Amino acid sequence: MQEMNPDTVLEQAAPAADPEPQAFRPAEDTSIPSAPEAPATEAAAPQPEAPAEPAPVTVVDIRFRNNAKSYFFDPNGLTLAVGDHVIIDTARGDEFGICAAGNHAVRPRELVLPLRKVLRAATEHDERINAENQEKEKKAFDVCQQKILSHKLDMQLVSAECAFDGSKILFFFTAEGRVDFRELVKDLASAFRTRIELRQIGVRDTAKMVGGLGVCGRPFCCKEFLDDFQPVSIKMAKTQNLSLNPTKISGTCGRLMCCLKYEQDAYEDAVRRMPKNESFVQTPDGPGNVSAVNLLKEQVTVRLDSQPDAPRCYHNCEVCVLRNGKGSRDGIQVPQERPARLVAEEKQEDFPAVVSDFHFTPPEAVSAALNGEKEEGRASRKRRRRGGRGHSGDEERSAEKKPAEQAEKQSRIEKSRPPRRRGGKRPEGGTASAAQQPKPQPPKVQQPKSQPGTGDPAAGA
């Protein structure tokens, strides 16, 4: 360490006083720059160049079983198509996957480098191993269910997955709270002689793995195409003017439906452009307050000051907002100029006019003809009731023929009618008509003979 003495201090302090004039002189020179040199200095200043974007990376999308999410992998020189089965390198080892999208370029900022590689296309041996693993998963699921019942654990088994190399079996389950499954793991490890892993998942993950149909009649979005679960709140249902009944805005999993997120951006944009309820607005018919807002049609219902009992509907471009939301009208100046009305343009038909030979009859002529037919019908009915001119000669001749036709019809009915049986034997020779049958004779009554010695005069004679 250098020793500090008065001589050394003076030697170090002397050079420190020299830079002051040097620093001051350039300031004097630059304080009054010459006019022609300023543009040259600005032109000579180099502009910063934009960094060159890295070249895109060729990747393939791979999807695992029972999972709708796709992952980027390095094709490793292979050309794959949609639906090809491949063996890929993952953190859990070699796995069996399905190609969801072929070779395509992706910007590097969308990737998490380095990428895992596709090892090879699946062979027949790999397909056979995958089929054996699926059979093993079904057996493992049934065994685990029995073990859960024997241990009386409050948990619901969702699925079982077996690693491609058979090194471990992974079980997914749901439960309301924490479950002590240490004894269950021991029993499963002794039964399968491999590594056992249990994972607890939520109800949304359960719906994604199991699948099903939603209230719309289509398969679950999370099962079909959703990669990750988006946060959904009850505020979205309020913004979209939906019913806050939990049974109508909840999915099969019991949580808010994921589809509430799809149109949220459009509704938020409409809310920013539309006035709020109870806003004070100027309309083509005068000032009034907004009583209802239709975000989809971009229309508002306004109660006019001149006609408060008859609200009217206006488009968003037909109103001028004087006060957005609730509040007092004090200090608000109503402009004399009113907004213009929206004139809807008539859309021309794209399809050509239909040419037909049908003769068009105006509605007035059709109604006149119908009224004439009705009047004629009424007049004919009146004449028939009165008689006389309403009956023609043909009607009189038809009336004369009616009794003869009725008599002939009655005779045919009597001939075809079978005879009635009043007891006794059926006459021989078939059924006889009623005219040929003999009339029944009344029974004869035998009178008693008189005894001799009686006072009967007939007996004595």
Protein backbone atom coordinates (compact mmCIF):
# COMPACT_ATOMS: atom_id res chain seq x y z
CA MET A 1 0.00 0.00 0.00
CA GLN A 2 1.38 3.40 -0.98
CA GLU A 3 2.14 5.69 1.90
CA MET A 4 0.21 8.98 1.91
CA ASN A 5 2.46 12.01 2.59
CA PRO A 6 2.04 15.73 1.76
CA ASP A 7 4.25 15.43 -1.38
CA THR A 8 2.22 12.56 -2.74
CA VAL A 9 -1.05 14.38 -2.12
CA LEU A 10 0.13 17.42 -4.04
CA GLU A 11 1.29 15.31 -6.98
CA GLN A 12 -2.13 13.63 -7.24
CA ALA A 13 -4.13 16.83 -6.79
CA ALA A 14 -2.28 18.81 -9.49
CA PRO A 15 -3.49 16.77 -12.48
CA ALA A 16 -7.06 16.92 -11.21
CA ALA A 17 -7.17 20.71 -11.72
CA ASP A 18 -6.15 20.57 -15.41
CA PRO A 19 -9.34 18.95 -16.90
CA GLU A 20 -11.57 21.90 -15.92
CA PRO A 21 -10.42 24.23 -18.77
CA GLN A 22 -10.44 21.27 -21.18
CA ALA A 23 -14.02 20.40 -20.26
CA PHE A 24 -15.08 24.05 -20.48
CA ARG A 25 -13.54 24.79 -23.91
CA PRO A 26 -15.54 22.23 -25.87
CA ALA A 27 -18.69 23.62 -24.30
CA GLU A 28 -17.88 27.09 -25.68
CA ASP A 29 -17.22 25.68 -29.14
CA THR A 30 -20.48 23.70 -29.31
CA SER A 31 -22.66 26.40 -27.78
CA ILE A 32 -22.72 28.44 -31.06
CA PRO A 33 -22.71 25.91 -33.90
CA SER A 34 -22.59 27.05 -37.47
CA ALA A 35 -25.82 26.79 -39.46
CA PRO A 36 -24.57 24.82 -42.46
CA GLU A 37 -22.84 22.15 -40.36
CA ALA A 38 -25.99 21.09 -38.42
CA PRO A 39 -27.71 19.22 -41.29
CA ALA A 40 -24.48 17.47 -42.14
CA THR A 41 -24.15 16.22 -38.56
CA GLU A 42 -27.73 14.87 -38.55
CA ALA A 43 -27.24 13.12 -41.88
CA ALA A 44 -24.01 11.56 -40.74
CA ALA A 45 -25.61 10.08 -37.61
CA PRO A 46 -26.02 6.29 -38.16
CA GLN A 47 -29.54 4.92 -37.75
CA PRO A 48 -29.94 1.76 -35.62
CA GLU A 49 -30.69 -1.28 -37.75
CA ALA A 50 -33.57 -3.60 -36.81
CA PRO A 51 -32.36 -6.97 -35.61
CA ALA A 52 -32.83 -9.66 -38.22
CA GLU A 53 -35.46 -12.21 -37.32
CA PRO A 54 -34.12 -15.76 -37.05
CA ALA A 55 -35.09 -18.22 -39.72
CA PRO A 56 -38.24 -20.27 -39.08
CA VAL A 57 -37.90 -23.76 -37.65
CA THR A 58 -39.53 -26.85 -39.20
CA VAL A 59 -41.57 -28.78 -36.65
CA VAL A 60 -44.35 -31.37 -36.45
CA ASP A 61 -47.35 -31.46 -34.11
CA ILE A 62 -47.62 -34.64 -32.02
CA ARG A 63 -50.59 -35.58 -29.87
CA PHE A 64 -50.60 -38.19 -27.13
CA ARG A 65 -53.43 -40.54 -26.32
CA ASN A 66 -56.45 -39.14 -24.44
CA ASN A 67 -55.12 -35.62 -24.92
CA ALA A 68 -56.31 -32.88 -27.25
CA LYS A 69 -53.19 -30.76 -26.77
CA SER A 70 -50.50 -30.90 -29.46
CA TYR A 71 -46.78 -30.47 -28.83
CA PHE A 72 -44.01 -29.33 -31.18
CA PHE A 73 -41.28 -31.84 -31.95
CA ASP A 74 -38.25 -31.83 -34.21
CA PRO A 75 -39.03 -34.12 -37.20
CA ASN A 76 -35.38 -35.22 -37.24
CA GLY A 77 -35.31 -35.40 -41.04
CA LEU A 78 -38.57 -37.37 -41.35
CA THR A 79 -41.51 -36.30 -43.52
CA LEU A 80 -44.70 -37.06 -41.61
CA ALA A 81 -48.38 -36.76 -42.49
CA VAL A 82 -51.48 -36.35 -40.37
CA GLY A 83 -52.39 -39.60 -38.60
CA ASP A 84 -48.95 -41.21 -38.73
CA HIS A 85 -47.89 -43.11 -35.61
CA VAL A 86 -44.44 -42.22 -34.29
CA ILE A 87 -42.13 -42.93 -31.36
CA ILE A 88 -40.93 -39.74 -29.68
CA ASP A 89 -38.48 -38.82 -26.96
CA THR A 90 -40.09 -37.29 -23.85
CA ALA A 91 -39.14 -36.54 -20.27
CA ARG A 92 -40.78 -39.85 -19.26
CA GLY A 93 -38.85 -41.80 -21.87
CA ASP A 94 -39.94 -43.15 -25.23
CA GLU A 95 -43.64 -42.65 -25.90
CA PHE A 96 -46.14 -43.56 -28.59
CA GLY A 97 -47.73 -40.56 -30.34
CA ILE A 98 -49.94 -39.58 -33.26
CA CYS A 99 -49.02 -36.87 -35.77
CA ALA A 100 -51.64 -34.08 -35.64
CA ALA A 101 -49.97 -31.83 -38.28
CA GLY A 102 -47.21 -32.56 -40.77
CA ASN A 103 -43.98 -30.68 -41.35
CA HIS A 104 -44.50 -26.92 -41.18
CA ALA A 105 -42.47 -23.83 -40.31
CA VAL A 106 -42.88 -21.96 -37.01
CA ARG A 107 -41.25 -18.75 -35.78
CA PRO A 108 -38.58 -19.37 -33.15
CA ARG A 109 -40.24 -16.99 -30.66
CA GLU A 110 -43.22 -19.34 -30.50
CA LEU A 111 -41.07 -22.30 -29.46
CA VAL A 112 -39.33 -23.40 -26.30
CA LEU A 113 -35.93 -24.52 -27.48
CA PRO A 114 -34.37 -27.06 -27.59
CA LEU A 115 -37.06 -29.29 -29.09
CA ARG A 116 -37.42 -33.00 -28.43
CA LYS A 117 -36.93 -35.21 -31.46
CA VAL A 118 -39.04 -37.79 -33.22
CA LEU A 119 -37.10 -41.02 -32.93
CA ARG A 120 -38.75 -43.04 -35.71
CA ALA A 121 -41.99 -43.95 -37.37
CA ALA A 122 -43.89 -46.66 -35.53
CA THR A 123 -43.22 -50.19 -36.80
CA GLU A 124 -45.39 -53.31 -36.52
CA HIS A 125 -43.51 -54.27 -33.37
CA ASP A 126 -44.26 -50.83 -31.86
CA GLU A 127 -47.94 -51.16 -32.79
CA ARG A 128 -48.08 -54.55 -31.09
CA ILE A 129 -46.45 -53.18 -27.93
CA ASN A 130 -48.94 -50.29 -27.88
CA ALA A 131 -51.89 -52.70 -28.16
CA GLU A 132 -50.49 -54.83 -25.30
CA ASN A 133 -50.10 -51.71 -23.17
CA GLN A 134 -53.73 -50.78 -23.76
CA GLU A 135 -54.85 -54.23 -22.59
CA LYS A 136 -52.60 -53.89 -19.56
CA GLU A 137 -54.18 -50.51 -18.78
CA LYS A 138 -57.68 -52.03 -18.71
CA LYS A 139 -56.53 -54.78 -16.35
CA ALA A 140 -54.71 -52.28 -14.13
CA PHE A 141 -57.82 -50.09 -13.94
CA ASP A 142 -59.98 -52.98 -12.72
CA VAL A 143 -57.39 -54.11 -10.17
CA CYS A 144 -56.97 -50.59 -8.82
CA GLN A 145 -60.74 -50.25 -8.44
CA GLN A 146 -60.87 -53.38 -6.32
CA LYS A 147 -57.95 -52.20 -4.19
CA ILE A 148 -59.64 -48.84 -3.58
CA LEU A 149 -62.80 -50.58 -2.40
CA SER A 150 -60.85 -52.93 -0.15
CA HIS A 151 -58.99 -50.02 1.48
CA LYS A 152 -62.23 -47.95 1.68
CA LEU A 153 -60.62 -44.84 0.24
CA ASP A 154 -62.73 -41.80 -0.67
CA MET A 155 -61.40 -41.38 -4.22
CA GLN A 156 -62.66 -41.95 -7.76
CA LEU A 157 -60.38 -43.54 -10.32
CA VAL A 158 -60.45 -41.80 -13.72
CA SER A 159 -57.97 -43.63 -15.94
CA ALA A 160 -54.76 -45.60 -16.05
CA GLU A 161 -51.82 -45.11 -18.40
CA CYS A 162 -48.93 -47.45 -18.99
CA ALA A 163 -45.55 -46.21 -20.21
CA PHE A 164 -44.51 -47.40 -23.66
CA ASP A 165 -41.52 -49.28 -22.28
CA GLY A 166 -43.60 -50.67 -19.37
CA SER A 167 -41.41 -49.04 -16.75
CA LYS A 168 -44.33 -47.58 -14.78
CA ILE A 169 -48.13 -47.31 -14.56
CA LEU A 170 -49.75 -43.94 -13.92
CA PHE A 171 -53.20 -43.71 -12.25
CA PHE A 172 -55.35 -40.54 -12.32
CA PHE A 173 -58.04 -40.01 -9.68
CA THR A 174 -60.26 -37.30 -8.23
CA ALA A 175 -61.05 -36.65 -4.57
CA GLU A 176 -62.54 -33.85 -2.52
CA GLY A 177 -59.57 -33.64 -0.15
CA ARG A 178 -56.20 -35.24 0.53
CA VAL A 179 -56.09 -39.02 0.45
CA ASP A 180 -53.53 -41.24 2.18
CA PHE A 181 -52.89 -43.87 -0.52
CA ARG A 182 -49.53 -45.21 0.68
CA GLU A 183 -50.92 -48.66 1.43
CA LEU A 184 -52.69 -48.66 -1.93
CA VAL A 185 -49.41 -47.96 -3.73
CA LYS A 186 -47.73 -50.86 -1.95
CA ASP A 187 -50.49 -53.29 -2.96
CA LEU A 188 -50.40 -52.13 -6.59
CA ALA A 189 -46.61 -52.36 -6.75
CA SER A 190 -46.69 -55.93 -5.44
CA ALA A 191 -49.43 -56.84 -7.94
CA PHE A 192 -47.81 -55.37 -11.11
CA ARG A 193 -44.13 -55.57 -10.17
CA THR A 194 -43.43 -52.13 -11.61
CA ARG A 195 -43.29 -48.51 -10.58
CA ILE A 196 -46.67 -47.06 -9.54
CA GLU A 197 -47.59 -43.36 -9.65
CA LEU A 198 -50.90 -41.78 -8.55
CA ARG A 199 -51.96 -38.26 -9.54
CA GLN A 200 -54.90 -36.27 -8.26
CA ILE A 201 -56.64 -34.14 -10.91
CA GLY A 202 -59.57 -31.68 -10.91
CA VAL A 203 -63.05 -31.98 -12.35
CA ARG A 204 -62.13 -30.06 -15.51
CA ASP A 205 -59.23 -32.39 -16.23
CA THR A 206 -61.56 -35.32 -15.62
CA ALA A 207 -64.01 -34.06 -18.22
CA LYS A 208 -61.14 -33.54 -20.66
CA MET A 209 -59.87 -37.11 -20.22
CA VAL A 210 -63.23 -38.89 -20.17
CA GLY A 211 -65.09 -36.76 -22.75
CA GLY A 212 -68.81 -36.53 -23.37
CA LEU A 213 -71.51 -34.29 -24.86
CA GLY A 214 -72.24 -30.76 -23.73
CA VAL A 215 -75.56 -28.95 -23.44
CA CYS A 216 -75.15 -27.84 -27.07
CA GLY A 217 -75.17 -31.47 -28.24
CA ARG A 218 -71.54 -31.43 -29.42
CA PRO A 219 -68.47 -33.13 -27.85
CA PHE A 220 -66.61 -31.27 -25.14
CA CYS A 221 -64.41 -28.46 -26.44
CA CYS A 222 -61.64 -29.42 -24.01
CA LYS A 223 -61.66 -32.95 -25.40
CA GLU A 224 -61.74 -31.93 -29.06
CA PHE A 225 -59.48 -28.93 -29.65
CA LEU A 226 -58.69 -26.86 -26.53
CA ASP A 227 -55.01 -26.97 -25.60
CA ASP A 228 -55.26 -25.31 -22.20
CA PHE A 229 -58.05 -24.19 -19.89
CA GLN A 230 -58.74 -20.46 -20.12
CA PRO A 231 -59.85 -18.59 -16.99
CA VAL A 232 -63.63 -18.00 -16.99
CA SER A 233 -65.42 -15.73 -14.51
CA ILE A 234 -69.01 -14.86 -13.69
CA LYS A 235 -68.32 -11.33 -14.97
CA MET A 236 -68.30 -12.72 -18.52
CA ALA A 237 -71.84 -14.01 -18.10
CA LYS A 238 -72.95 -10.59 -16.82
CA THR A 239 -71.27 -8.80 -19.74
CA GLN A 240 -73.04 -11.07 -22.23
CA ASN A 241 -76.44 -10.55 -20.51
CA LEU A 242 -76.81 -14.24 -19.76
CA SER A 243 -78.90 -15.80 -17.03
CA LEU A 244 -76.93 -16.18 -13.82
CA ASN A 245 -78.61 -19.50 -13.09
CA PRO A 246 -75.74 -21.92 -12.36
CA THR A 247 -77.45 -24.79 -14.19
CA LYS A 248 -77.54 -22.78 -17.44
CA ILE A 249 -74.01 -21.37 -17.49
CA SER A 250 -72.20 -24.39 -16.01
CA GLY A 251 -70.84 -27.31 -17.96
CA THR A 252 -70.96 -31.02 -17.23
CA CYS A 253 -67.90 -30.68 -15.00
CA GLY A 254 -69.78 -28.25 -12.72
CA ARG A 255 -67.59 -25.26 -13.62
CA LEU A 256 -68.44 -22.29 -15.84
CA MET A 257 -68.57 -23.24 -19.52
CA CYS A 258 -65.38 -22.63 -21.47
CA CYS A 259 -67.36 -21.21 -24.41
CA LEU A 260 -68.08 -18.05 -22.40
CA LYS A 261 -64.55 -16.99 -23.27
CA TYR A 262 -65.00 -17.30 -27.05
CA GLU A 263 -67.09 -14.14 -27.62
CA GLN A 264 -65.93 -12.14 -24.62
CA ASP A 265 -63.63 -9.88 -26.68
CA ALA A 266 -66.46 -8.99 -29.08
CA TYR A 267 -68.80 -8.16 -26.19
CA GLU A 268 -66.17 -6.01 -24.47
CA ASP A 269 -65.63 -4.06 -27.70
CA ALA A 270 -69.40 -3.53 -28.05
CA VAL A 271 -69.68 -2.38 -24.42
CA ARG A 272 -67.03 0.30 -25.02
CA ARG A 273 -68.94 1.63 -28.05
CA MET A 274 -72.47 1.41 -26.63
CA PRO A 275 -73.98 3.73 -23.97
CA LYS A 276 -74.79 2.38 -20.53
CA ASN A 277 -78.23 2.02 -19.00
CA GLU A 278 -79.81 5.25 -17.70
CA SER A 279 -77.58 7.31 -20.00
CA PHE A 280 -78.86 10.70 -21.16
CA VAL A 281 -78.85 10.75 -24.97
CA GLN A 282 -80.10 12.85 -27.86
CA THR A 283 -82.09 10.99 -30.52
CA PRO A 284 -83.71 12.01 -33.85
CA ASP A 285 -86.99 12.35 -31.89
CA GLY A 286 -85.59 14.32 -28.96
CA PRO A 287 -83.71 13.73 -25.70
CA GLY A 288 -84.33 10.78 -23.40
CA ASN A 289 -82.85 8.14 -21.11
CA VAL A 290 -81.60 4.70 -22.17
CA SER A 291 -83.69 1.92 -20.65
CA ALA A 292 -82.18 -1.17 -22.36
CA VAL A 293 -79.12 -2.05 -24.45
CA ASN A 294 -78.89 -4.85 -27.04
CA LEU A 295 -75.20 -5.52 -27.61
CA LEU A 296 -75.65 -8.03 -30.43
CA LYS A 297 -77.86 -5.77 -32.57
CA GLU A 298 -76.10 -2.61 -31.32
CA GLN A 299 -79.45 -1.05 -30.51
CA VAL A 300 -80.68 0.92 -27.51
CA THR A 301 -84.19 1.45 -26.17
CA VAL A 302 -84.81 5.08 -25.16
CA ARG A 303 -87.62 6.60 -23.10
CA LEU A 304 -88.16 10.00 -24.64
CA ASP A 305 -88.95 13.00 -22.44
CA SER A 306 -91.88 13.84 -24.70
CA GLN A 307 -93.28 10.25 -24.69
CA PRO A 308 -92.04 8.43 -21.57
CA ASP A 309 -94.71 5.70 -21.83
CA ALA A 310 -93.74 4.68 -25.38
CA PRO A 311 -90.03 3.75 -25.51
CA ARG A 312 -88.42 3.62 -28.93
CA CYS A 313 -85.54 1.61 -30.34
CA TYR A 314 -82.58 3.29 -32.08
CA HIS A 315 -79.33 2.12 -33.59
CA ASN A 316 -76.11 3.10 -31.87
CA CYS A 317 -75.23 5.56 -34.67
CA GLU A 318 -78.59 7.35 -34.23
CA VAL A 319 -77.96 8.54 -30.66
CA CYS A 320 -75.61 11.14 -29.24
CA VAL A 321 -74.49 10.43 -25.67
CA LEU A 322 -74.77 13.50 -23.44
CA ARG A 323 -74.12 11.71 -20.16
CA ASN A 324 -72.91 8.10 -19.99
CA GLY A 325 -74.49 6.26 -17.05
CA LYS A 326 -76.60 7.47 -14.15
CA GLY A 327 -76.40 11.02 -12.93
CA SER A 328 -78.03 14.43 -12.88
CA ARG A 329 -78.88 16.52 -15.92
CA ASP A 330 -77.78 19.75 -14.26
CA GLY A 331 -75.32 21.64 -16.40
CA ILE A 332 -75.86 19.47 -19.49
CA GLN A 333 -76.69 21.52 -22.56
CA VAL A 334 -78.91 19.70 -25.03
CA PRO A 335 -77.83 20.47 -28.60
CA GLN A 336 -80.47 21.80 -30.96
CA GLU A 337 -79.19 19.68 -33.83
CA ARG A 338 -80.46 16.12 -33.68
CA PRO A 339 -78.70 13.05 -35.06
CA ALA A 340 -79.73 11.80 -38.48
CA ARG A 341 -81.77 8.67 -38.86
CA LEU A 342 -80.18 5.50 -40.16
CA VAL A 343 -81.46 4.61 -43.63
CA ALA A 344 -81.15 0.88 -44.23
CA GLU A 345 -80.00 0.03 -47.71
CA GLU A 346 -82.14 -2.47 -49.54
CA LYS A 347 -80.12 -5.49 -50.52
CA GLN A 348 -80.57 -6.58 -54.10
CA GLU A 349 -81.39 -10.20 -54.69
CA ASP A 350 -78.43 -12.18 -55.97
CA PHE A 351 -80.53 -14.91 -57.57
CA PRO A 352 -82.30 -14.23 -60.91
CA ALA A 353 -86.04 -13.68 -61.12
CA VAL A 354 -88.17 -16.78 -61.69
CA VAL A 355 -89.94 -16.75 -65.08
CA SER A 356 -93.32 -18.53 -65.12
CA ASP A 357 -96.33 -18.81 -67.45
CA PHE A 358 -98.69 -18.32 -64.54
CA HIS A 359 -101.02 -15.37 -65.09
CA PHE A 360 -101.04 -13.10 -62.09
CA THR A 361 -104.44 -12.00 -60.88
CA PRO A 362 -104.58 -8.92 -58.68
CA PRO A 363 -105.99 -9.42 -55.17
CA GLU A 364 -108.87 -7.00 -55.87
CA ALA A 365 -110.17 -9.13 -58.74
CA VAL A 366 -109.89 -12.33 -56.68
CA SER A 367 -111.83 -10.83 -53.78
CA ALA A 368 -114.54 -9.51 -56.14
CA ALA A 369 -114.98 -12.94 -57.73
CA LEU A 370 -115.26 -14.62 -54.33
CA ASN A 371 -117.87 -12.10 -53.19
CA GLY A 372 -119.89 -12.71 -56.39
CA GLU A 373 -119.89 -16.48 -55.82
CA LYS A 374 -121.07 -15.96 -52.27
CA GLU A 375 -123.95 -13.73 -53.38
CA GLU A 376 -125.06 -16.27 -56.02
CA GLY A 377 -125.03 -19.05 -53.44
CA ARG A 378 -127.14 -17.04 -51.05
CA ALA A 379 -129.71 -16.22 -53.75
CA SER A 380 -130.03 -19.86 -54.87
CA ARG A 381 -130.58 -20.99 -51.28
CA LYS A 382 -133.32 -18.42 -50.82
CA ARG A 383 -135.14 -19.59 -54.00
CA ARG A 384 -134.99 -23.22 -52.88
CA ARG A 385 -136.57 -22.36 -49.56
CA ARG A 386 -139.41 -20.45 -51.25
CA GLY A 387 -139.98 -23.09 -53.99
CA GLY A 388 -141.25 -22.40 -57.49
CA ARG A 389 -138.58 -21.07 -59.74
CA GLY A 390 -135.84 -22.85 -57.91
CA HIS A 391 -137.08 -26.34 -59.12
CA SER A 392 -136.45 -27.28 -62.72
CA GLY A 393 -138.08 -30.02 -64.83
CA ASP A 394 -135.26 -32.44 -64.13
CA GLU A 395 -135.83 -32.07 -60.40
CA GLU A 396 -139.58 -32.84 -60.81
CA ARG A 397 -138.84 -35.99 -62.84
CA SER A 398 -136.28 -37.15 -60.27
CA ALA A 399 -138.87 -36.63 -57.53
CA GLU A 400 -141.37 -38.88 -59.38
CA LYS A 401 -138.80 -41.67 -59.71
CA LYS A 402 -137.91 -41.67 -56.02
CA PRO A 403 -140.93 -43.74 -54.71
CA ALA A 404 -140.40 -46.49 -57.32
CA GLU A 405 -136.69 -46.73 -56.55
CA GLN A 406 -137.37 -46.89 -52.82
CA ALA A 407 -139.93 -49.72 -53.26
CA GLU A 408 -137.53 -51.76 -55.41
CA LYS A 409 -134.75 -51.26 -52.90
CA GLN A 410 -136.99 -52.39 -50.05
CA SER A 411 -137.94 -55.60 -51.90
CA ARG A 412 -134.29 -56.50 -52.50
CA ILE A 413 -133.54 -56.03 -48.84
CA GLU A 414 -136.41 -58.33 -47.80
CA LYS A 415 -135.34 -61.09 -50.20
CA SER A 416 -131.76 -61.05 -48.96
CA ARG A 417 -132.82 -61.08 -45.29
CA PRO A 418 -132.75 -64.61 -43.73
CA PRO A 419 -136.04 -65.89 -42.21
CA ARG A 420 -136.59 -65.63 -38.50
CA ARG A 421 -136.79 -68.89 -36.52
CA ARG A 422 -139.60 -69.06 -33.96
CA GLY A 423 -138.71 -72.48 -32.55
CA GLY A 424 -139.27 -76.00 -33.87
CA LYS A 425 -137.36 -77.80 -36.54
CA ARG A 426 -135.97 -76.14 -39.59
CA PRO A 427 -138.08 -76.94 -42.69
CA GLU A 428 -136.52 -79.31 -45.15
CA GLY A 429 -135.33 -78.11 -48.47
CA GLY A 430 -133.33 -75.20 -47.16
CA THR A 431 -134.51 -71.90 -45.87
CA ALA A 432 -137.96 -70.82 -46.99
CA SER A 433 -139.17 -67.33 -47.34
CA ALA A 434 -141.59 -65.82 -44.87
CA ALA A 435 -144.48 -66.08 -47.37
CA GLN A 436 -144.03 -69.88 -47.94
CA GLN A 437 -143.87 -70.83 -44.27
CA PRO A 438 -147.24 -72.16 -42.86
CA LYS A 439 -148.85 -70.00 -40.29
CA PRO A 440 -148.90 -71.56 -36.79
CA GLN A 441 -152.33 -72.98 -35.78
CA PRO A 442 -153.73 -72.31 -32.32
CA PRO A 443 -153.67 -75.38 -30.01
CA LYS A 444 -156.96 -77.39 -29.70
CA VAL A 445 -158.63 -77.47 -26.29
CA GLN A 446 -160.25 -80.83 -25.34
CA GLN A 447 -163.57 -80.46 -23.57
CA PRO A 448 -164.22 -82.92 -20.65
CA LYS A 449 -166.86 -85.69 -21.24
CA SER A 450 -170.01 -85.54 -19.10
CA GLN A 451 -170.66 -88.43 -16.66
CA PRO A 452 -174.05 -90.26 -16.52
CA GLY A 453 -176.34 -89.12 -13.81
CA THR A 454 -175.27 -85.52 -14.06
CA GLY A 455 -177.65 -82.76 -14.74
CA ASP A 456 -176.16 -81.95 -18.14
CA PRO A 457 -179.03 -81.89 -20.70
CA ALA A 458 -176.67 -82.60 -23.59
CA ALA A 459 -175.54 -85.85 -22.00
CA GLY A 460 -179.11 -87.11 -21.56
CA ALA A 461 -180.00 -86.34 -25.19
